[in-house]
PDB file of N, CA and C in Angstrom:
ATOM      1  N   MET A   1       0.388  -1.655   0.461  1.00  0.00           N
ATOM      2  CA  MET A   1       0.119   0.232  -0.035  1.00  0.00           C
ATOM      3  C   MET A   1       0.743   1.272  -0.580  1.00  0.00           C
ATOM      4  N   SER A   2       1.098   1.670  -1.089  1.00  0.00           N
ATOM      5  CA  SER A   2       1.063   3.377  -0.954  1.00  0.00           C
ATOM      6  C   SER A   2       0.156   4.568  -0.784  1.00  0.00           C
ATOM      7  N   LEU A   3       0.459   5.651  -0.087  1.00  0.00           N
ATOM      8  CA  LEU A   3      -0.667   6.484   0.222  1.00  0.00           C
ATOM      9  C   LEU A   3      -0.757   7.288  -0.728  1.00  0.00           C
ATOM     10  N   THR A   4      -1.574   8.082  -0.787  1.00  0.00           N
ATOM     11  CA  THR A   4      -1.776   7.960  -2.483  1.00  0.00           C
ATOM     12  C   THR A   4      -3.167  10.065  -2.256  1.00  0.00           C
ATOM     13  N   LEU A   5      -3.189  10.840  -1.775  1.00  0.00           N
ATOM     14  CA  LEU A   5      -3.846  11.917  -1.533  1.00  0.00           C
ATOM     15  C   LEU A   5      -3.805  12.755  -2.408  1.00  0.00           C
ATOM     16  N   ARG A   6      -5.193  13.067  -2.560  1.00  0.00           N
ATOM     17  CA  ARG A   6      -6.493  14.379  -3.414  1.00  0.00           C
ATOM     18  C   ARG A   6      -7.073  15.012  -2.597  1.00  0.00           C
ATOM     19  N   THR A   7      -6.416  15.608  -4.091  1.00  0.00           N
ATOM     20  CA  THR A   7      -7.520  17.333  -3.764  1.00  0.00           C
ATOM     21  C   THR A   7      -8.446  17.915  -4.479  1.00  0.00           C
ATOM     22  N   ASP A   8      -9.157  16.963  -4.747  1.00  0.00           N
ATOM     23  CA  ASP A   8      -9.895  16.726  -6.783  1.00  0.00           C
ATOM     24  C   ASP A   8     -10.876  17.812  -5.870  1.00  0.00           C
ATOM     25  N   PHE A   9     -11.407  17.741  -5.317  1.00  0.00           N
ATOM     26  CA  PHE A   9     -13.550  17.374  -4.928  1.00  0.00           C
ATOM     27  C   PHE A   9     -13.586  18.726  -3.558  1.00  0.00           C
ATOM     28  N   GLY A  10     -11.875  19.584  -3.023  1.00  0.00           N
ATOM     29  CA  GLY A  10     -11.827  20.863  -2.516  1.00  0.00           C
ATOM     30  C   GLY A  10     -11.931  20.710  -1.138  1.00  0.00           C
ATOM     31  N   CYS A  11     -11.328  19.185  -0.572  1.00  0.00           N
ATOM     32  CA  CYS A  11     -10.945  18.822   0.397  1.00  0.00           C
ATOM     33  C   CYS A  11      -9.773  17.122   0.300  1.00  0.00           C
ATOM     34  N   THR A  12      -9.182  17.082   1.349  1.00  0.00           N
ATOM     35  CA  THR A  12      -8.398  16.035   1.531  1.00  0.00           C
ATOM     36  C   THR A  12      -8.118  14.992   1.694  1.00  0.00           C
ATOM     37  N   GLU A  13      -7.836  13.637   0.420  1.00  0.00           N
ATOM     38  CA  GLU A  13      -9.277  12.786  -0.125  1.00  0.00           C
ATOM     39  C   GLU A  13      -7.582  12.198   0.031  1.00  0.00           C
ATOM     40  N   ALA A  14      -7.664  10.871   1.631  1.00  0.00           N
ATOM     41  CA  ALA A  14      -6.445  10.019   1.512  1.00  0.00           C
ATOM     42  C   ALA A  14      -7.253   7.802   0.516  1.00  0.00           C
ATOM     43  N   ILE A  15      -6.352   7.982  -0.368  1.00  0.00           N
ATOM     44  CA  ILE A  15      -6.774   6.851  -0.823  1.00  0.00           C
ATOM     45  C   ILE A  15      -6.087   5.342  -0.047  1.00  0.00           C
ATOM     46  N   ILE A  16      -7.503   4.579   0.019  1.00  0.00           N
ATOM     47  CA  ILE A  16      -6.569   3.986   1.303  1.00  0.00           C
ATOM     48  C   ILE A  16      -6.040   2.823  -0.182  1.00  0.00           C
ATOM     49  N   ASP A  17      -7.101   2.349  -0.720  1.00  0.00           N
ATOM     50  CA  ASP A  17      -6.532   1.152  -1.425  1.00  0.00           C
ATOM     51  C   ASP A  17      -7.583   1.417  -3.163  1.00  0.00           C
ATOM     52  N   ASP A  18      -6.640   1.416  -4.036  1.00  0.00           N
ATOM     53  CA  ASP A  18      -7.432   1.285  -5.215  1.00  0.00           C
ATOM     54  C   ASP A  18      -7.116   0.614  -6.120  1.00  0.00           C
ATOM     55  N   ASP A  19      -7.157  -0.294  -5.437  1.00  0.00           N
ATOM     56  CA  ASP A  19      -6.927  -1.463  -6.057  1.00  0.00           C
ATOM     57  C   ASP A  19      -7.679  -2.940  -4.999  1.00  0.00           C
ATOM     58  N   CYS A  20      -9.214  -3.163  -4.832  1.00  0.00           N
ATOM     59  CA  CYS A  20      -8.801  -4.035  -3.674  1.00  0.00           C
ATOM     60  C   CYS A  20     -10.595  -4.626  -3.552  1.00  0.00           C
ATOM     61  N   GLY A  21     -11.488  -5.533  -2.808  1.00  0.00           N
ATOM     62  CA  GLY A  21     -12.112  -5.916  -2.945  1.00  0.00           C
ATOM     63  C   GLY A  21     -12.604  -5.484  -1.556  1.00  0.00           C
ATOM     64  N   LEU A  22     -14.085  -6.616  -1.524  1.00  0.00           N
ATOM     65  CA  LEU A  22     -15.012  -5.842   0.048  1.00  0.00           C
ATOM     66  C   LEU A  22     -14.077  -5.911   1.273  1.00  0.00           C
ATOM     67  N   LYS A  23     -13.940  -7.334   0.934  1.00  0.00           N
ATOM     68  CA  LYS A  23     -13.229  -8.099   1.940  1.00  0.00           C
ATOM     69  C   LYS A  23     -11.450  -6.666   2.935  1.00  0.00           C
ATOM     70  N   ARG A  24     -10.933  -5.674   2.624  1.00  0.00           N
ATOM     71  CA  ARG A  24     -10.418  -5.484   2.278  1.00  0.00           C
ATOM     72  C   ARG A  24     -10.337  -4.197   2.540  1.00  0.00           C
ATOM     73  N   PHE A  25     -12.293  -3.341   2.745  1.00  0.00           N
ATOM     74  CA  PHE A  25     -12.513  -2.433   3.373  1.00  0.00           C
ATOM     75  C   PHE A  25     -12.858  -2.599   4.980  1.00  0.00           C
ATOM     76  N   TYR A  26     -13.627  -3.932   5.243  1.00  0.00           N
ATOM     77  CA  TYR A  26     -13.720  -4.519   5.793  1.00  0.00           C
ATOM     78  C   TYR A  26     -12.796  -4.658   6.985  1.00  0.00           C
ATOM     79  N   GLU A  27     -10.995  -5.169   6.892  1.00  0.00           N
ATOM     80  CA  GLU A  27     -10.292  -4.978   7.170  1.00  0.00           C
ATOM     81  C   GLU A  27     -10.236  -3.842   8.133  1.00  0.00           C
ATOM     82  N   VAL A  28      -9.621  -3.106   7.091  1.00  0.00           N
ATOM     83  CA  VAL A  28      -9.422  -1.577   7.160  1.00  0.00           C
ATOM     84  C   VAL A  28     -11.408  -0.478   8.300  1.00  0.00           C
ATOM     85  N   ALA A  29     -12.124  -0.863   7.946  1.00  0.00           N
ATOM     86  CA  ALA A  29     -13.010  -0.795   8.864  1.00  0.00           C
ATOM     87  C   ALA A  29     -12.914  -1.464  10.436  1.00  0.00           C
ATOM     88  N   ASN A  30     -12.037  -2.305  10.626  1.00  0.00           N
ATOM     89  CA  ASN A  30     -11.689  -3.019  12.102  1.00  0.00           C
ATOM     90  C   ASN A  30     -10.954  -3.040  12.367  1.00  0.00           C
ATOM     91  N   ILE A  31      -9.445  -2.296  11.559  1.00  0.00           N
ATOM     92  CA  ILE A  31      -8.655  -1.940  12.301  1.00  0.00           C
ATOM     93  C   ILE A  31      -8.632  -0.257  13.083  1.00  0.00           C
ATOM     94  N   LEU A  32     -10.154   0.078  12.163  1.00  0.00           N
ATOM     95  CA  LEU A  32     -10.470   1.889  13.170  1.00  0.00           C
ATOM     96  C   LEU A  32     -11.191   1.425  14.320  1.00  0.00           C
ATOM     97  N   LEU A  33     -12.242   0.720  13.853  1.00  0.00           N
ATOM     98  CA  LEU A  33     -12.693   0.202  15.254  1.00  0.00           C
ATOM     99  C   LEU A  33     -12.356  -0.731  16.620  1.00  0.00           C
ATOM    100  N   ASP A  34     -11.029  -1.105  16.154  1.00  0.00           N
ATOM    101  CA  ASP A  34     -10.255  -2.330  17.410  1.00  0.00           C
ATOM    102  C   ASP A  34      -9.034  -1.349  17.363  1.00  0.00           C
ATOM    103  N   ASP A  35      -7.715  -0.006  16.913  1.00  0.00           N
ATOM    104  CA  ASP A  35      -7.008   0.102  17.372  1.00  0.00           C
ATOM    105  C   ASP A  35      -7.209   1.965  17.165  1.00  0.00           C
ATOM    106  N   LEU A  36      -8.014   2.250  16.551  1.00  0.00           N
ATOM    107  CA  LEU A  36      -8.496   3.908  16.957  1.00  0.00           C
ATOM    108  C   LEU A  36      -9.528   3.809  17.486  1.00  0.00           C
ATOM    109  N   LYS A  37     -10.285   2.987  18.109  1.00  0.00           N
ATOM    110  CA  LYS A  37     -11.473   2.910  18.351  1.00  0.00           C
ATOM    111  C   LYS A  37     -12.609   3.893  18.787  1.00  0.00           C
ATOM    112  N   ILE A  38     -12.853   4.285  16.993  1.00  0.00           N
ATOM    113  CA  ILE A  38     -13.637   4.959  16.728  1.00  0.00           C
ATOM    114  C   ILE A  38     -15.279   3.765  16.363  1.00  0.00           C
ATOM    115  N   ARG A  39     -16.006   4.301  16.300  1.00  0.00           N
ATOM    116  CA  ARG A  39     -17.925   4.269  16.567  1.00  0.00           C
ATOM    117  C   ARG A  39     -18.219   4.482  14.679  1.00  0.00           C
ATOM    118  N   PHE A  40     -18.587   3.773  14.461  1.00  0.00           N
ATOM    119  CA  PHE A  40     -19.642   4.702  12.961  1.00  0.00           C
ATOM    120  C   PHE A  40     -21.436   4.917  12.839  1.00  0.00           C
ATOM    121  N   THR A  41     -21.100   6.196  12.834  1.00  0.00           N
ATOM    122  CA  THR A  41     -22.005   6.723  13.186  1.00  0.00           C
ATOM    123  C   THR A  41     -22.916   6.736  11.885  1.00  0.00           C
ATOM    124  N   ASN A  42     -23.267   6.470  11.141  1.00  0.00           N
ATOM    125  CA  ASN A  42     -24.357   6.500  10.646  1.00  0.00           C
ATOM    126  C   ASN A  42     -23.569   5.176   8.825  1.00  0.00           C
ATOM    127  N   LYS A  43     -24.190   4.383   8.720  1.00  0.00           N
ATOM    128  CA  LYS A  43     -24.006   3.445   7.239  1.00  0.00           C
ATOM    129  C   LYS A  43     -24.932   2.874   6.725  1.00  0.00           C
ATOM    130  N   GLN A  44     -24.103   3.854   4.707  1.00  0.00           N
ATOM    131  CA  GLN A  44     -24.592   3.713   3.781  1.00  0.00           C
ATOM    132  C   GLN A  44     -24.344   2.626   3.095  1.00  0.00           C
ATOM    133  N   ASP A  45     -25.126   1.692   3.214  1.00  0.00           N
ATOM    134  CA  ASP A  45     -24.505   0.412   1.798  1.00  0.00           C
ATOM    135  C   ASP A  45     -24.931   0.395   0.588  1.00  0.00           C
ATOM    136  N   ASP A  46     -24.876   0.399  -0.750  1.00  0.00           N
ATOM    137  CA  ASP A  46     -25.589   0.243  -1.457  1.00  0.00           C
ATOM    138  C   ASP A  46     -25.423  -0.106  -2.319  1.00  0.00           C
ATOM    139  N   PHE A  47     -25.511  -0.727  -3.519  1.00  0.00           N
ATOM    140  CA  PHE A  47     -24.620  -1.586  -4.563  1.00  0.00           C
ATOM    141  C   PHE A  47     -23.270  -1.590  -4.924  1.00  0.00           C
ATOM    142  N   ASP A  48     -23.094  -0.383  -5.153  1.00  0.00           N
ATOM    143  CA  ASP A  48     -21.417  -0.782  -5.695  1.00  0.00           C
ATOM    144  C   ASP A  48     -20.339   0.702  -4.362  1.00  0.00           C
ATOM    145  N   THR A  49     -21.512   0.201  -3.401  1.00  0.00           N
ATOM    146  CA  THR A  49     -20.705   1.878  -2.472  1.00  0.00           C
ATOM    147  C   THR A  49     -20.933   1.839  -1.357  1.00  0.00           C
ATOM    148  N   LEU A  50     -20.488   1.979  -0.396  1.00  0.00           N
ATOM    149  CA  LEU A  50     -20.797   2.024   0.734  1.00  0.00           C
ATOM    150  C   LEU A  50     -19.354   3.401   1.066  1.00  0.00           C
ATOM    151  N   THR A  51     -21.107   4.110   2.051  1.00  0.00           N
ATOM    152  CA  THR A  51     -19.839   5.272   2.871  1.00  0.00           C
ATOM    153  C   THR A  51     -20.476   5.155   4.358  1.00  0.00           C
ATOM    154  N   TRP A  52     -19.468   4.934   5.119  1.00  0.00           N
ATOM    155  CA  TRP A  52     -19.000   4.367   7.011  1.00  0.00           C
ATOM    156  C   TRP A  52     -18.376   5.960   6.745  1.00  0.00           C
ATOM    157  N   ASN A  53     -20.144   7.131   8.059  1.00  0.00           N
ATOM    158  CA  ASN A  53     -18.906   8.476   9.101  1.00  0.00           C
ATOM    159  C   ASN A  53     -18.333   7.527  10.026  1.00  0.00           C
ATOM    160  N   PHE A  54     -17.812   8.603  10.890  1.00  0.00           N
ATOM    161  CA  PHE A  54     -16.872   8.708  12.051  1.00  0.00           C
ATOM    162  C   PHE A  54     -16.785   9.679  12.066  1.00  0.00           C
ATOM    163  N   ALA A  55     -16.598   9.079  14.044  1.00  0.00           N
ATOM    164  CA  ALA A  55     -15.210  10.780  14.423  1.00  0.00           C
ATOM    165  C   ALA A  55     -14.667   9.772  14.756  1.00  0.00           C
ATOM    166  N   TYR A  56     -13.809  10.769  13.900  1.00  0.00           N
ATOM    167  CA  TYR A  56     -11.936  10.829  15.122  1.00  0.00           C
ATOM    168  C   TYR A  56     -11.232  12.416  15.961  1.00  0.00           C
ATOM    169  N   LYS A  57     -10.813  11.913  17.303  1.00  0.00           N
ATOM    170  CA  LYS A  57     -10.626  13.732  18.223  1.00  0.00           C
ATOM    171  C   LYS A  57     -11.397  14.751  17.709  1.00  0.00           C
ATOM    172  N   GLY A  58     -12.461  14.402  17.219  1.00  0.00           N
ATOM    173  CA  GLY A  58     -14.038  15.533  16.935  1.00  0.00           C
ATOM    174  C   GLY A  58     -13.813  16.155  15.542  1.00  0.00           C
ATOM    175  N   HIS A  59     -12.944  15.432  14.795  1.00  0.00           N
ATOM    176  CA  HIS A  59     -13.302  16.173  13.583  1.00  0.00           C
ATOM    177  C   HIS A  59     -13.914  14.348  12.245  1.00  0.00           C
ATOM    178  N   LEU A  60     -15.020  14.451  11.896  1.00  0.00           N
ATOM    179  CA  LEU A  60     -16.412  13.738  11.217  1.00  0.00           C
ATOM    180  C   LEU A  60     -15.661  13.093   9.794  1.00  0.00           C
ATOM    181  N   LEU A  61     -15.361  12.224   9.316  1.00  0.00           N
ATOM    182  CA  LEU A  61     -15.186  12.086   8.984  1.00  0.00           C
ATOM    183  C   LEU A  61     -15.633  10.843   7.783  1.00  0.00           C
ATOM    184  N   SER A  62     -14.526  10.161   6.896  1.00  0.00           N
ATOM    185  CA  SER A  62     -15.967   9.831   6.005  1.00  0.00           C
ATOM    186  C   SER A  62     -14.845   8.689   5.450  1.00  0.00           C
ATOM    187  N   LEU A  63     -15.295   6.683   5.717  1.00  0.00           N
ATOM    188  CA  LEU A  63     -14.595   6.303   4.966  1.00  0.00           C
ATOM    189  C   LEU A  63     -16.049   4.891   4.221  1.00  0.00           C
ATOM    190  N   TYR A  64     -14.595   6.205   3.315  1.00  0.00           N
ATOM    191  CA  TYR A  64     -15.378   5.481   1.789  1.00  0.00           C
ATOM    192  C   TYR A  64     -15.169   4.099   0.664  1.00  0.00           C
ATOM    193  N   TYR A  65     -16.078   3.672   0.202  1.00  0.00           N
ATOM    194  CA  TYR A  65     -15.310   1.813  -1.071  1.00  0.00           C
ATOM    195  C   TYR A  65     -15.807   2.508  -1.963  1.00  0.00           C
ATOM    196  N   ASN A  66     -16.098   1.688  -3.448  1.00  0.00           N
ATOM    197  CA  ASN A  66     -16.686   1.893  -4.219  1.00  0.00           C
ATOM    198  C   ASN A  66     -16.350   0.461  -4.944  1.00  0.00           C
ATOM    199  N   ILE A  67     -16.756  -0.218  -5.581  1.00  0.00           N
ATOM    200  CA  ILE A  67     -15.618  -1.903  -6.149  1.00  0.00           C
ATOM    201  C   ILE A  67     -15.072  -1.075  -7.655  1.00  0.00           C
ATOM    202  N   TYR A  68     -15.583   0.200  -7.860  1.00  0.00           N
ATOM    203  CA  TYR A  68     -14.627   0.611  -9.298  1.00  0.00           C
ATOM    204  C   TYR A  68     -12.934   1.413  -8.432  1.00  0.00           C
ATOM    205  N   THR A  69     -12.854   2.338  -7.546  1.00  0.00           N
ATOM    206  CA  THR A  69     -12.015   3.008  -7.525  1.00  0.00           C
ATOM    207  C   THR A  69     -11.655   3.095  -5.963  1.00  0.00           C
ATOM    208  N   GLY A  70     -12.135   2.128  -4.688  1.00  0.00           N
ATOM    209  CA  GLY A  70     -11.308   1.454  -3.902  1.00  0.00           C
ATOM    210  C   GLY A  70     -11.989   2.291  -3.056  1.00  0.00           C
ATOM    211  N   ILE A  71     -10.809   2.131  -1.830  1.00  0.00           N
ATOM    212  CA  ILE A  71     -11.150   3.210  -0.431  1.00  0.00           C
ATOM    213  C   ILE A  71     -10.361   4.106  -0.254  1.00  0.00           C
ATOM    214  N   SER A  72     -11.064   4.938   0.800  1.00  0.00           N
ATOM    215  CA  SER A  72     -10.610   6.372   1.362  1.00  0.00           C
ATOM    216  C   SER A  72     -10.819   6.538   1.589  1.00  0.00           C
ATOM    217  N   ILE A  73     -10.620   7.882   2.576  1.00  0.00           N
ATOM    218  CA  ILE A  73     -11.062   9.004   3.926  1.00  0.00           C
ATOM    219  C   ILE A  73     -11.093  10.130   3.001  1.00  0.00           C
ATOM    220  N   TYR A  74     -12.371  11.079   3.436  1.00  0.00           N
ATOM    221  CA  TYR A  74     -12.519  12.451   3.032  1.00  0.00           C
ATOM    222  C   TYR A  74     -13.527  13.048   3.689  1.00  0.00           C
ATOM    223  N   PRO A  75     -12.843  13.956   4.531  1.00  0.00           N
ATOM    224  CA  PRO A  75     -13.639  14.565   5.734  1.00  0.00           C
ATOM    225  C   PRO A  75     -15.184  14.560   5.579  1.00  0.00           C
ATOM    226  N   PHE A  76     -16.086  14.186   5.795  1.00  0.00           N
ATOM    227  CA  PHE A  76     -17.654  14.576   5.980  1.00  0.00           C
ATOM    228  C   PHE A  76     -18.200  15.526   4.849  1.00  0.00           C
ATOM    229  N   LYS A  77     -17.995  16.586   5.676  1.00  0.00           N
ATOM    230  CA  LYS A  77     -18.371  18.214   4.676  1.00  0.00           C
ATOM    231  C   LYS A  77     -17.109  18.438   2.928  1.00  0.00           C
ATOM    232  N   ILE A  78     -17.453  17.732   2.582  1.00  0.00           N
ATOM    233  CA  ILE A  78     -16.160  17.429   1.899  1.00  0.00           C
ATOM    234  C   ILE A  78     -16.090  18.940   1.418  1.00  0.00           C
ATOM    235  N   LYS A  79     -16.895  20.215   0.686  1.00  0.00           N
ATOM    236  CA  LYS A  79     -16.201  20.910  -0.333  1.00  0.00           C
ATOM    237  C   LYS A  79     -15.508  22.616   0.976  1.00  0.00           C
ATOM    238  N   GLU A  80     -16.212  22.037   2.287  1.00  0.00           N
ATOM    239  CA  GLU A  80     -16.999  23.113   3.172  1.00  0.00           C
ATOM    240  C   GLU A  80     -14.957  22.795   4.389  1.00  0.00           C
ATOM    241  N   ALA A  81     -14.776  21.926   4.228  1.00  0.00           N
ATOM    242  CA  ALA A  81     -14.530  21.171   4.829  1.00  0.00           C
ATOM    243  C   ALA A  81     -13.170  21.798   5.874  1.00  0.00           C
ATOM    244  N   PRO A  82     -12.785  21.989   7.304  1.00  0.00           N
ATOM    245  CA  PRO A  82     -12.006  22.797   7.245  1.00  0.00           C
ATOM    246  C   PRO A  82     -10.019  22.221   7.554  1.00  0.00           C
ATOM    247  N   ARG A  83      -9.291  23.291   7.597  1.00  0.00           N
ATOM    248  CA  ARG A  83      -7.954  22.876   7.755  1.00  0.00           C
ATOM    249  C   ARG A  83      -7.898  21.817   7.758  1.00  0.00           C
ATOM    250  N   LYS A  84      -8.422  21.370   9.561  1.00  0.00           N
ATOM    251  CA  LYS A  84      -8.069  20.795  10.097  1.00  0.00           C
ATOM    252  C   LYS A  84      -8.384  19.241  10.066  1.00  0.00           C
ATOM    253  N   ASP A  85     -10.080  18.824   9.688  1.00  0.00           N
ATOM    254  CA  ASP A  85     -10.887  18.228   9.198  1.00  0.00           C
ATOM    255  C   ASP A  85      -9.341  16.904   7.911  1.00  0.00           C
ATOM    256  N   ASN A  86      -9.185  18.284   7.953  1.00  0.00           N
ATOM    257  CA  ASN A  86      -8.413  17.551   6.405  1.00  0.00           C
ATOM    258  C   ASN A  86      -6.955  16.676   7.054  1.00  0.00           C
ATOM    259  N   ASP A  87      -6.419  17.227   7.650  1.00  0.00           N
ATOM    260  CA  ASP A  87      -4.991  16.809   8.486  1.00  0.00           C
ATOM    261  C   ASP A  87      -5.462  15.903   9.207  1.00  0.00           C
ATOM    262  N   ALA A  88      -6.840  16.100   9.917  1.00  0.00           N
ATOM    263  CA  ALA A  88      -6.876  14.313  10.798  1.00  0.00           C
ATOM    264  C   ALA A  88      -7.163  12.800   9.779  1.00  0.00           C
ATOM    265  N   VAL A  89      -7.316  13.573   8.477  1.00  0.00           N
ATOM    266  CA  VAL A  89      -8.014  12.433   7.101  1.00  0.00           C
ATOM    267  C   VAL A  89      -6.077  11.815   7.272  1.00  0.00           C
ATOM    268  N   ILE A  90      -5.556  13.363   6.779  1.00  0.00           N
ATOM    269  CA  ILE A  90      -4.078  12.424   6.601  1.00  0.00           C
ATOM    270  C   ILE A  90      -3.172  12.146   6.909  1.00  0.00           C
ATOM    271  N   GLU A  91      -3.795  12.280   8.518  1.00  0.00           N
ATOM    272  CA  GLU A  91      -3.262  11.381  10.312  1.00  0.00           C
ATOM    273  C   GLU A  91      -3.849   9.781  10.431  1.00  0.00           C
ATOM    274  N   VAL A  92      -5.387  10.011   9.887  1.00  0.00           N
ATOM    275  CA  VAL A  92      -5.284   8.074  10.355  1.00  0.00           C
ATOM    276  C   VAL A  92      -5.123   7.904   8.573  1.00  0.00           C
ATOM    277  N   ALA A  93      -5.357   8.775   7.905  1.00  0.00           N
ATOM    278  CA  ALA A  93      -4.758   7.247   6.917  1.00  0.00           C
ATOM    279  C   ALA A  93      -3.501   7.046   6.687  1.00  0.00           C
ATOM    280  N   LYS A  94      -2.330   7.898   7.711  1.00  0.00           N
ATOM    281  CA  LYS A  94      -0.485   7.773   7.315  1.00  0.00           C
ATOM    282  C   LYS A  94      -0.735   6.284   8.653  1.00  0.00           C
ATOM    283  N   PHE A  95      -1.775   6.373   9.776  1.00  0.00           N
ATOM    284  CA  PHE A  95      -1.926   5.181  10.938  1.00  0.00           C
ATOM    285  C   PHE A  95      -2.001   4.143   9.604  1.00  0.00           C
ATOM    286  N   LEU A  96      -3.365   3.202   8.959  1.00  0.00           N
ATOM    287  CA  LEU A  96      -3.789   2.937   8.870  1.00  0.00           C
ATOM    288  C   LEU A  96      -2.295   2.638   7.257  1.00  0.00           C
ATOM    289  N   GLU A  97      -1.717   3.295   6.732  1.00  0.00           N
ATOM    290  CA  GLU A  97      -0.701   3.212   5.955  1.00  0.00           C
ATOM    291  C   GLU A  97       0.129   1.658   6.623  1.00  0.00           C
ATOM    292  N   THR A  98       0.362   2.399   7.616  1.00  0.00           N
ATOM    293  CA  THR A  98       1.572   1.736   8.982  1.00  0.00           C
ATOM    294  C   THR A  98       0.661   0.492   9.689  1.00  0.00           C
ATOM    295  N   LYS A  99      -0.279   0.384   9.374  1.00  0.00           N
ATOM    296  CA  LYS A  99      -0.822  -1.075  10.236  1.00  0.00           C
ATOM    297  C   LYS A  99      -1.133  -1.780   8.549  1.00  0.00           C
ATOM    298  N   LEU A 100      -2.243  -1.259   8.072  1.00  0.00           N
ATOM    299  CA  LEU A 100      -1.520  -2.185   7.351  1.00  0.00           C
ATOM    300  C   LEU A 100      -0.814  -3.113   6.460  1.00  0.00           C
ATOM    301  N   MET A 101       0.821  -2.443   6.215  1.00  0.00           N
ATOM    302  CA  MET A 101       1.789  -2.892   6.179  1.00  0.00           C
ATOM    303  C   MET A 101       2.366  -4.163   7.039  1.00  0.00           C
ATOM    304  N   VAL A 102       2.017  -4.330   7.839  1.00  0.00           N
ATOM    305  CA  VAL A 102       2.133  -4.838   9.384  1.00  0.00           C
ATOM    306  C   VAL A 102       1.776  -5.914   8.593  1.00  0.00           C
ATOM    307  N   HIS A 103      -0.208  -5.863   8.602  1.00  0.00           N
ATOM    308  CA  HIS A 103      -0.571  -7.043   8.151  1.00  0.00           C
ATOM    309  C   HIS A 103      -0.264  -7.484   7.104  1.00  0.00           C
ATOM    310  N   LYS A 104       0.113  -7.019   6.042  1.00  0.00           N
ATOM    311  CA  LYS A 104       0.988  -7.585   4.676  1.00  0.00           C
ATOM    312  C   LYS A 104       1.978  -8.097   5.202  1.00  0.00           C
ATOM    313  N   THR A 105       3.073  -8.397   5.628  1.00  0.00           N
ATOM    314  CA  THR A 105       3.677  -8.438   6.370  1.00  0.00           C
ATOM    315  C   THR A 105       4.044  -9.637   7.035  1.00  0.00           C
ATOM    316  N   LYS A 106       3.077 -10.007   7.557  1.00  0.00           N
ATOM    317  CA  LYS A 106       2.603 -10.734   8.476  1.00  0.00           C
ATOM    318  C   LYS A 106       2.487 -11.453   8.312  1.00  0.00           C
ATOM    319  N   ARG A 107       1.463 -11.786   6.899  1.00  0.00           N
ATOM    320  CA  ARG A 107       0.913 -13.351   6.097  1.00  0.00           C
ATOM    321  C   ARG A 107       1.797 -13.316   4.936  1.00  0.00           C
ATOM    322  N   PHE A 108       2.952 -12.079   5.618  1.00  0.00           N
ATOM    323  CA  PHE A 108       3.852 -13.435   4.182  1.00  0.00           C
ATOM    324  C   PHE A 108       4.631 -13.598   4.689  1.00  0.00           C
ATOM    325  N   VAL A 109       5.364 -13.395   5.805  1.00  0.00           N
ATOM    326  CA  VAL A 109       6.144 -14.639   6.682  1.00  0.00           C
ATOM    327  C   VAL A 109       5.603 -15.633   7.245  1.00  0.00           C
ATOM    328  N   ALA A 110       3.804 -16.047   7.491  1.00  0.00           N
ATOM    329  CA  ALA A 110       3.926 -16.737   7.462  1.00  0.00           C
ATOM    330  C   ALA A 110       3.524 -18.674   7.699  1.00  0.00           C
TER     331      ALA A 110
END
């Protein structure tokens, strides 16, 4: 996994994995639940897209999955996101990058 940041929508979007399946989305969600102790406050599950909102250190963020574009995290208020929300996205994404690399290494060593 290599962290990619985009600002195409007027906020910071962290691409967690751009080529993955639903299993990877649940792996990411579980890391957020277990390690960062977040709670998902709203879950929208559509045919090809999942959007789960959560609070991280007082910042409302969205964990997003689409079968075509993969997994990303972005501020809930996309176009109106304050800088601190964008910074929170980067912080969570960097944490996930580290955790997912450890998980990947453990799978290859075992």
